[in-house]
Protein backbone atom coordinates (compact mmCIF):
# COMPACT_ATOMS: atom_id res chain seq x y z
CA MET A 1 117.97 117.05 112.11
CA ALA A 2 114.39 116.58 113.27
CA PRO A 3 112.47 113.42 112.28
CA ILE A 4 110.15 113.89 109.33
CA LYS A 5 107.41 111.96 107.60
CA LYS A 6 106.29 112.24 104.01
CA THR A 7 102.81 113.53 103.40
CA SER A 8 100.54 111.62 101.06
CA ASP A 9 100.80 114.33 98.37
CA LYS A 10 103.82 113.13 96.41
CA LYS A 11 103.75 116.09 94.02
CA THR A 12 104.55 118.65 96.67
CA GLU A 13 106.69 116.32 98.82
CA LYS A 14 105.80 118.30 101.92
CA ARG A 15 107.24 117.00 105.12
CA LYS A 16 105.98 117.50 108.63
CA GLN A 17 107.61 117.12 112.02
CA LEU A 18 106.74 114.06 114.09
CA LYS A 19 106.65 113.96 117.86
CA ARG A 20 109.49 111.88 119.28
CA SER A 21 107.08 109.23 120.57
CA ASP A 22 105.45 108.94 117.12
CA TYR A 23 108.87 108.75 115.48
CA ASP A 24 109.96 105.97 117.84
CA LYS A 25 106.70 104.09 117.28
CA LEU A 26 107.12 104.39 113.50
CA LYS A 27 110.68 103.11 113.75
CA ARG A 28 109.63 100.15 115.94
CA THR A 29 106.86 99.31 113.47
CA ALA A 30 109.32 99.40 110.57
CA TYR A 31 111.67 97.16 112.55
CA GLU A 32 108.87 94.67 113.19
CA TYR A 33 107.95 94.53 109.50
CA VAL A 34 111.51 94.34 108.15
CA VAL A 35 113.33 92.23 110.74
CA VAL A 36 110.68 90.07 112.38
CA GLN A 37 108.21 89.59 109.51
CA GLY A 38 110.84 89.69 106.76
CA LEU A 39 109.14 92.21 104.47
CA ASP A 40 111.09 94.12 101.83
CA GLN A 41 112.27 97.59 102.88
CA LYS A 42 110.73 99.25 99.83
CA VAL A 43 107.34 97.70 100.62
CA VAL A 44 107.59 98.77 104.26
CA ALA A 45 108.59 102.32 103.32
CA ASN A 46 105.49 102.57 101.14
CA MET A 47 103.25 100.99 103.79
CA LEU A 48 104.42 103.43 106.45
CA ASN A 49 104.61 106.42 104.10
CA ILE A 50 108.27 107.10 104.84
CA SER A 51 111.18 107.52 102.47
CA GLU A 52 113.28 104.52 101.51
CA ALA A 53 116.33 106.57 102.52
CA THR A 54 114.99 106.96 106.06
CA LEU A 55 114.22 103.26 106.34
CA SER A 56 117.64 102.39 104.93
CA LYS A 57 119.28 104.68 107.50
CA TRP A 58 117.39 103.03 110.36
CA SER A 59 118.30 99.62 109.02
CA LYS A 60 122.00 100.43 108.80
CA GLU A 61 122.14 102.12 112.21
CA GLY A 62 120.32 99.24 113.90
CA ARG A 63 122.08 96.49 111.91
CA TRP A 64 118.68 95.14 110.93
CA ARG A 65 120.07 93.09 108.04
CA GLU A 66 122.32 91.05 110.33
CA GLU A 67 119.52 90.49 112.80
CA ARG A 68 117.07 89.53 110.06
CA GLU A 69 119.56 86.99 108.69
CA SER A 70 120.15 85.59 112.17
CA ARG A 71 116.42 85.19 112.68
CA GLN A 72 116.14 83.37 109.35
CA HIS A 73 118.78 80.86 110.41
CA THR A 74 117.35 79.72 113.70
CA SER A 75 116.75 76.03 114.28
CA SER A 76 112.97 76.51 114.14
CA VAL A 77 113.27 78.10 110.69
CA ASP A 78 115.63 75.32 109.59
CA VAL A 79 113.10 72.73 110.77
CA GLU A 80 110.27 74.41 108.85
CA ASN A 81 112.38 74.73 105.68
CA THR A 82 113.44 71.09 105.92
CA LYS A 83 109.82 70.00 106.36
CA LYS A 84 108.85 71.99 103.25
CA LEU A 85 111.64 70.37 101.27
CA LEU A 86 110.57 66.93 102.45
CA SER A 87 106.98 67.69 101.46
CA LEU A 88 108.05 68.77 97.97
CA LEU A 89 110.06 65.59 97.51
CA ALA A 90 107.11 63.50 98.69
CA LYS A 91 104.88 65.17 96.08
CA GLN A 92 107.48 64.47 93.38
CA ARG A 93 107.68 60.85 94.53
CA LEU A 94 103.89 60.45 94.29
CA THR A 95 103.88 61.97 90.80
CA ILE A 96 106.54 59.50 89.71
CA GLU A 97 104.49 56.61 91.15
CA THR A 98 101.60 57.69 88.92
CA GLN A 99 103.96 57.82 85.96
CA ILE A 100 105.27 54.32 86.81
CA GLN A 101 101.70 52.98 86.79
CA THR A 102 101.13 54.61 83.41
CA ALA A 103 104.32 53.03 82.05
CA ILE A 104 103.22 49.61 83.36
CA ASN A 105 99.76 50.00 81.80
CA GLU A 106 101.36 50.92 78.48
CA ASN A 107 103.82 47.98 78.70
CA ASN A 108 106.73 50.45 78.49
CA ALA A 109 109.37 48.54 80.49
CA GLU A 110 112.19 50.94 79.60
CA GLU A 111 110.25 53.95 80.93
CA GLU A 112 109.22 52.00 84.02
CA VAL A 113 112.87 51.19 84.84
CA ARG A 114 113.92 54.81 84.27
CA LEU A 115 111.14 56.08 86.54
CA ARG A 116 111.87 53.51 89.25
CA LYS A 117 115.50 54.67 89.34
CA LYS A 118 114.33 58.26 89.64
CA ALA A 119 111.87 57.29 92.41
CA SER A 120 114.63 55.41 94.22
CA ALA A 121 116.91 58.46 94.14
CA ILE A 122 114.13 60.66 95.54
CA THR A 123 113.38 58.12 98.27
CA ASP A 124 117.08 58.09 99.19
CA ASP A 125 117.09 61.91 99.34
CA MET A 126 113.96 61.86 101.48
CA SER A 127 115.59 59.43 103.89
CA LYS A 128 118.66 61.65 104.26
CA ILE A 129 116.56 64.79 104.73
CA ASN A 130 114.36 63.03 107.28
CA LYS A 131 117.47 62.07 109.26
CA THR A 132 118.62 65.71 109.09
CA LEU A 133 115.19 66.82 110.26
CA MET A 134 115.39 64.52 113.27
CA THR A 135 118.82 65.91 114.13
CA ILE A 136 117.88 69.60 113.90
CA SER A 137 114.53 69.03 115.62
CA ALA A 138 116.26 67.68 118.71
CA LYS A 139 116.79 70.12 121.55
CA ASN A 140 120.47 70.93 121.28
CA TYR A 141 120.96 72.96 124.44
CA THR A 142 121.22 72.00 128.08
CA LEU A 143 119.14 73.22 130.98
CA GLY A 144 122.23 75.05 132.25
CA VAL A 145 122.59 76.98 128.99
CA PHE A 146 118.88 77.83 129.06
CA ILE A 147 119.11 79.13 132.63
CA ASP A 148 122.26 81.16 131.81
CA VAL A 149 120.51 82.85 128.87
CA MET A 150 117.35 83.42 130.89
CA ASP A 151 119.37 84.93 133.75
CA GLU A 152 121.14 87.28 131.34
CA ILE A 153 117.83 88.44 129.86
CA PHE A 154 116.09 88.94 133.19
CA ASN A 155 119.11 90.63 134.78
CA ALA A 156 119.12 93.08 131.89
CA LEU A 157 115.39 93.63 132.44
CA ARG A 158 116.06 94.24 136.14
CA SER A 159 118.68 96.86 135.28
CA TYR A 160 116.28 98.47 132.82
CA ASP A 161 113.13 98.46 134.96
CA GLU A 162 113.18 96.78 138.36
CA SER A 163 109.43 97.07 138.90
CA LEU A 164 108.77 95.32 135.59
CA TRP A 165 111.33 92.64 136.51
CA ALA A 166 109.61 92.10 139.88
CA LYS A 167 106.37 91.33 138.03
CA THR A 168 108.15 88.51 136.14
CA VAL A 169 109.65 86.67 139.13
CA ASP A 170 106.79 84.13 139.37
CA PHE A 171 106.92 83.64 135.59
CA GLN A 172 110.67 82.96 135.79
CA GLY A 173 110.12 80.19 138.33
CA ILE A 174 107.32 78.63 136.30
CA LEU A 175 109.42 78.72 133.14
CA ILE A 176 112.44 77.11 134.83
CA ARG A 177 110.26 74.31 136.22
CA LYS A 178 108.72 73.73 132.78
CA LYS A 179 112.13 73.62 131.08
CA THR A 180 113.46 71.31 133.80
CA ILE A 181 110.73 68.85 132.85
CA ASP A 182 111.16 69.40 129.08
CA ILE A 183 114.95 69.25 128.93
CA GLY A 184 115.74 67.31 132.10
């Protein structure tokens, strides 16, 4: 079946043929929005003026859901999420400090003790999360692993397009030298 795109007139639901290059470009754009940027498929279907069924089909065929989930569980995402959590706890801790000062000013010793216990628990949580952040922030791969992955990627590029690969040879050397310094 030939690729189709919805027209903007939803009443008539006319469909028109797309050139293969336009179809591929539309599919790559949808992929970028759904997998890389994490947008909802329904939103993307509306943005690109394609049916949700078409987008769902592309997603299933390309296993976009699995890739999107993998991208969301990278160490860089984990670091960012952990930093956000730490920031939220710090804000809660500051709010409790204000409440402690209010309790002191009002001579409410019972409330002050309750709030100090709560603040202590948050501080303990912050300490544990900070330790986790330090662990996941650390580079947890060796230079050998990096080079193996890089070789696999660039060998695949060479098989795909040798002239494009040849243009990256200098870049490959620069990147290996940089990683040798970074990782050791």
